[in-house]
């Protein structure tokens, strides 16, 4: 399986990607996730201002095949959501690394060390 796994990002074992810039994490679903799900028809977004904790669900991605929970890779406050996905959820299929879902202002930067790097994530996908 030829996976697109950008090296500059961090990953979760639940197939979210994370871009960390200062104390803000941008989160989306990986190429592996979107190809496993199939055609995405709906993305449920959390409210801006919501406090989320690492490993808790913050939303849902629905495809023609299944419904999958989205898990917070890091704890913090949701400071922005990608409203475009409400109208165009298929963007998650077309460009999973451009179609971010939420931005989190981090409350515990120590959690970053729990995320997978690209090599470990690739290994995780191959073993799934």
C-alpha atoms as a PDB file:
ATOM      1  CA  UNK A   1       0.000   0.000   0.000  1.00  0.00           C
ATOM      2  CA  UNK A   2       1.513   3.312  -1.084  1.00  0.00           C
ATOM      3  CA  UNK A   3       0.632   5.759   1.677  1.00  0.00           C
ATOM      4  CA  UNK A   4       1.043   9.509   1.635  1.00  0.00           C
ATOM      5  CA  UNK A   5       2.565  10.270   5.074  1.00  0.00           C
ATOM      6  CA  UNK A   6       4.138  13.751   5.185  1.00  0.00           C
ATOM      7  CA  UNK A   7       7.257  13.707   7.383  1.00  0.00           C
ATOM      8  CA  UNK A   8       6.683  17.142   8.973  1.00  0.00           C
ATOM      9  CA  UNK A   9       3.424  16.029  10.620  1.00  0.00           C
ATOM     10  CA  UNK A  10       2.722  13.992  13.756  1.00  0.00           C
ATOM     11  CA  UNK A  11       0.121  11.206  13.866  1.00  0.00           C
ATOM     12  CA  UNK A  12      -2.184   9.248  16.171  1.00  0.00           C
ATOM     13  CA  UNK A  13      -2.893   5.528  16.105  1.00  0.00           C
ATOM     14  CA  UNK A  14      -6.534   6.527  15.355  1.00  0.00           C
ATOM     15  CA  UNK A  15      -5.372   8.028  12.004  1.00  0.00           C
ATOM     16  CA  UNK A  16      -5.463  11.752  12.715  1.00  0.00           C
ATOM     17  CA  UNK A  17      -2.616  13.991  11.568  1.00  0.00           C
ATOM     18  CA  UNK A  18      -1.343  16.939  13.592  1.00  0.00           C
ATOM     19  CA  UNK A  19       0.591  20.030  12.521  1.00  0.00           C
ATOM     20  CA  UNK A  20       2.014  21.865  15.541  1.00  0.00           C
ATOM     21  CA  UNK A  21       2.832  25.564  15.215  1.00  0.00           C
ATOM     22  CA  UNK A  22       3.827  27.204  18.514  1.00  0.00           C
ATOM     23  CA  UNK A  23       0.954  26.314  20.877  1.00  0.00           C
ATOM     24  CA  UNK A  24      -1.636  25.551  18.177  1.00  0.00           C
ATOM     25  CA  UNK A  25      -2.306  22.108  16.701  1.00  0.00           C
ATOM     26  CA  UNK A  26      -4.079  21.775  13.351  1.00  0.00           C
ATOM     27  CA  UNK A  27      -5.822  18.385  13.071  1.00  0.00           C
ATOM     28  CA  UNK A  28      -7.220  16.354  10.174  1.00  0.00           C
ATOM     29  CA  UNK A  29      -7.602  12.752   9.053  1.00  0.00           C
ATOM     30  CA  UNK A  30      -4.813  10.914   7.259  1.00  0.00           C
ATOM     31  CA  UNK A  31      -4.675   9.561   3.739  1.00  0.00           C
ATOM     32  CA  UNK A  32      -4.946   6.050   5.226  1.00  0.00           C
ATOM     33  CA  UNK A  33      -8.141   7.053   7.083  1.00  0.00           C
ATOM     34  CA  UNK A  34      -9.854   8.630   4.093  1.00  0.00           C
ATOM     35  CA  UNK A  35      -9.007   5.687   1.807  1.00  0.00           C
ATOM     36  CA  UNK A  36     -10.272   3.196   4.434  1.00  0.00           C
ATOM     37  CA  UNK A  37     -13.497   5.160   4.916  1.00  0.00           C
ATOM     38  CA  UNK A  38     -14.332   5.642   1.241  1.00  0.00           C
ATOM     39  CA  UNK A  39     -16.427   8.588   0.049  1.00  0.00           C
ATOM     40  CA  UNK A  40     -16.920  10.978   2.962  1.00  0.00           C
ATOM     41  CA  UNK A  41     -20.409  12.501   3.015  1.00  0.00           C
ATOM     42  CA  UNK A  42     -20.533  14.310   6.379  1.00  0.00           C
ATOM     43  CA  UNK A  43     -18.168  15.795   8.970  1.00  0.00           C
ATOM     44  CA  UNK A  44     -19.487  16.733  12.419  1.00  0.00           C
ATOM     45  CA  UNK A  45     -17.506  19.627  13.886  1.00  0.00           C
ATOM     46  CA  UNK A  46     -17.247  20.654  17.548  1.00  0.00           C
ATOM     47  CA  UNK A  47     -18.137  24.137  18.810  1.00  0.00           C
ATOM     48  CA  UNK A  48     -15.416  26.767  18.871  1.00  0.00           C
ATOM     49  CA  UNK A  49     -14.456  27.318  22.517  1.00  0.00           C
ATOM     50  CA  UNK A  50     -15.025  23.678  23.495  1.00  0.00           C
ATOM     51  CA  UNK A  51     -12.398  22.195  25.821  1.00  0.00           C
ATOM     52  CA  UNK A  52     -11.253  18.781  24.601  1.00  0.00           C
ATOM     53  CA  UNK A  53      -9.020  16.190  26.204  1.00  0.00           C
ATOM     54  CA  UNK A  54      -6.530  13.941  24.469  1.00  0.00           C
ATOM     55  CA  UNK A  55      -8.106  10.669  23.274  1.00  0.00           C
ATOM     56  CA  UNK A  56     -11.696  11.981  23.693  1.00  0.00           C
ATOM     57  CA  UNK A  57     -14.002  12.173  20.694  1.00  0.00           C
ATOM     58  CA  UNK A  58     -14.521  15.657  19.267  1.00  0.00           C
ATOM     59  CA  UNK A  59     -16.558  14.893  16.161  1.00  0.00           C
ATOM     60  CA  UNK A  60     -17.579  12.334  13.562  1.00  0.00           C
ATOM     61  CA  UNK A  61     -16.705  11.536   9.963  1.00  0.00           C
ATOM     62  CA  UNK A  62     -19.412   9.727   8.032  1.00  0.00           C
ATOM     63  CA  UNK A  63     -18.776   7.916   4.764  1.00  0.00           C
ATOM     64  CA  UNK A  64     -20.986   5.839   2.526  1.00  0.00           C
ATOM     65  CA  UNK A  65     -19.524   2.773   4.296  1.00  0.00           C
ATOM     66  CA  UNK A  66     -19.365   3.742   7.962  1.00  0.00           C
ATOM     67  CA  UNK A  67     -19.353   6.340  10.729  1.00  0.00           C
ATOM     68  CA  UNK A  68     -16.075   6.973  12.563  1.00  0.00           C
ATOM     69  CA  UNK A  69     -15.383   9.016  15.663  1.00  0.00           C
ATOM     70  CA  UNK A  70     -12.662  11.642  15.556  1.00  0.00           C
ATOM     71  CA  UNK A  71     -10.315  11.531  18.552  1.00  0.00           C
ATOM     72  CA  UNK A  72      -8.475  14.532  19.941  1.00  0.00           C
ATOM     73  CA  UNK A  73      -4.727  14.003  19.513  1.00  0.00           C
ATOM     74  CA  UNK A  74      -3.976  16.639  22.173  1.00  0.00           C
ATOM     75  CA  UNK A  75      -5.802  18.486  24.958  1.00  0.00           C
ATOM     76  CA  UNK A  76      -6.845  22.102  24.691  1.00  0.00           C
ATOM     77  CA  UNK A  77      -9.447  24.544  23.440  1.00  0.00           C
ATOM     78  CA  UNK A  78     -10.974  24.369  19.961  1.00  0.00           C
ATOM     79  CA  UNK A  79     -10.137  27.799  18.523  1.00  0.00           C
ATOM     80  CA  UNK A  80     -11.198  27.225  14.919  1.00  0.00           C
ATOM     81  CA  UNK A  81     -13.181  24.692  12.869  1.00  0.00           C
ATOM     82  CA  UNK A  82     -13.090  24.202   9.110  1.00  0.00           C
ATOM     83  CA  UNK A  83     -16.644  25.278   8.199  1.00  0.00           C
ATOM     84  CA  UNK A  84     -15.970  24.458   4.529  1.00  0.00           C
ATOM     85  CA  UNK A  85     -16.220  20.751   5.401  1.00  0.00           C
ATOM     86  CA  UNK A  86     -19.899  21.145   6.326  1.00  0.00           C
ATOM     87  CA  UNK A  87     -20.659  22.014   2.689  1.00  0.00           C
ATOM     88  CA  UNK A  88     -17.861  19.965   1.079  1.00  0.00           C
ATOM     89  CA  UNK A  89     -16.971  16.932   3.254  1.00  0.00           C
ATOM     90  CA  UNK A  90     -15.450  15.244   0.187  1.00  0.00           C
ATOM     91  CA  UNK A  91     -12.464  17.577   0.588  1.00  0.00           C
ATOM     92  CA  UNK A  92     -11.225  15.048   3.191  1.00  0.00           C
ATOM     93  CA  UNK A  93     -10.953  12.515   0.357  1.00  0.00           C
ATOM     94  CA  UNK A  94      -9.526  14.880  -2.241  1.00  0.00           C
ATOM     95  CA  UNK A  95      -6.795  16.400  -0.078  1.00  0.00           C
ATOM     96  CA  UNK A  96      -6.658  14.885   3.402  1.00  0.00           C
ATOM     97  CA  UNK A  97      -3.632  16.987   4.402  1.00  0.00           C
ATOM     98  CA  UNK A  98      -5.173  20.244   3.156  1.00  0.00           C
ATOM     99  CA  UNK A  99      -8.660  19.588   4.580  1.00  0.00           C
ATOM    100  CA  UNK A 100      -7.927  20.278   8.233  1.00  0.00           C
ATOM    101  CA  UNK A 101     -10.835  19.764  10.634  1.00  0.00           C
ATOM    102  CA  UNK A 102     -10.030  21.721  13.812  1.00  0.00           C
ATOM    103  CA  UNK A 103      -7.367  23.888  15.400  1.00  0.00           C
ATOM    104  CA  UNK A 104      -6.610  23.404  19.102  1.00  0.00           C
ATOM    105  CA  UNK A 105      -4.854  25.853  21.442  1.00  0.00           C
ATOM    106  CA  UNK A 106      -2.793  23.392  23.454  1.00  0.00           C
ATOM    107  CA  UNK A 107      -3.154  23.167  27.219  1.00  0.00           C
ATOM    108  CA  UNK A 108      -0.474  20.497  27.751  1.00  0.00           C
ATOM    109  CA  UNK A 109       2.478  20.576  25.365  1.00  0.00           C
ATOM    110  CA  UNK A 110       3.974  17.508  27.105  1.00  0.00           C
ATOM    111  CA  UNK A 111       1.381  15.399  25.245  1.00  0.00           C
ATOM    112  CA  UNK A 112       3.130  16.090  21.928  1.00  0.00           C
ATOM    113  CA  UNK A 113       5.719  13.418  22.786  1.00  0.00           C
ATOM    114  CA  UNK A 114       2.900  10.817  22.796  1.00  0.00           C
ATOM    115  CA  UNK A 115       2.238  11.337  19.057  1.00  0.00           C
ATOM    116  CA  UNK A 116       3.737   9.131  16.352  1.00  0.00           C
ATOM    117  CA  UNK A 117       6.274  10.399  13.834  1.00  0.00           C
ATOM    118  CA  UNK A 118       5.864   9.541  10.141  1.00  0.00           C
ATOM    119  CA  UNK A 119       7.995   6.360  10.335  1.00  0.00           C
ATOM    120  CA  UNK A 120       6.125   4.976  13.367  1.00  0.00           C
ATOM    121  CA  UNK A 121       2.771   5.865  11.811  1.00  0.00           C
ATOM    122  CA  UNK A 122       3.688   4.109   8.554  1.00  0.00           C
ATOM    123  CA  UNK A 123       4.617   1.016  10.576  1.00  0.00           C
ATOM    124  CA  UNK A 124       1.291   1.250  12.459  1.00  0.00           C
ATOM    125  CA  UNK A 125      -0.662   1.373   9.165  1.00  0.00           C
ATOM    126  CA  UNK A 126       1.233  -1.583   7.725  1.00  0.00           C
ATOM    127  CA  UNK A 127       0.438  -3.618  10.846  1.00  0.00           C
ATOM    128  CA  UNK A 128      -3.275  -2.657  10.922  1.00  0.00           C
END
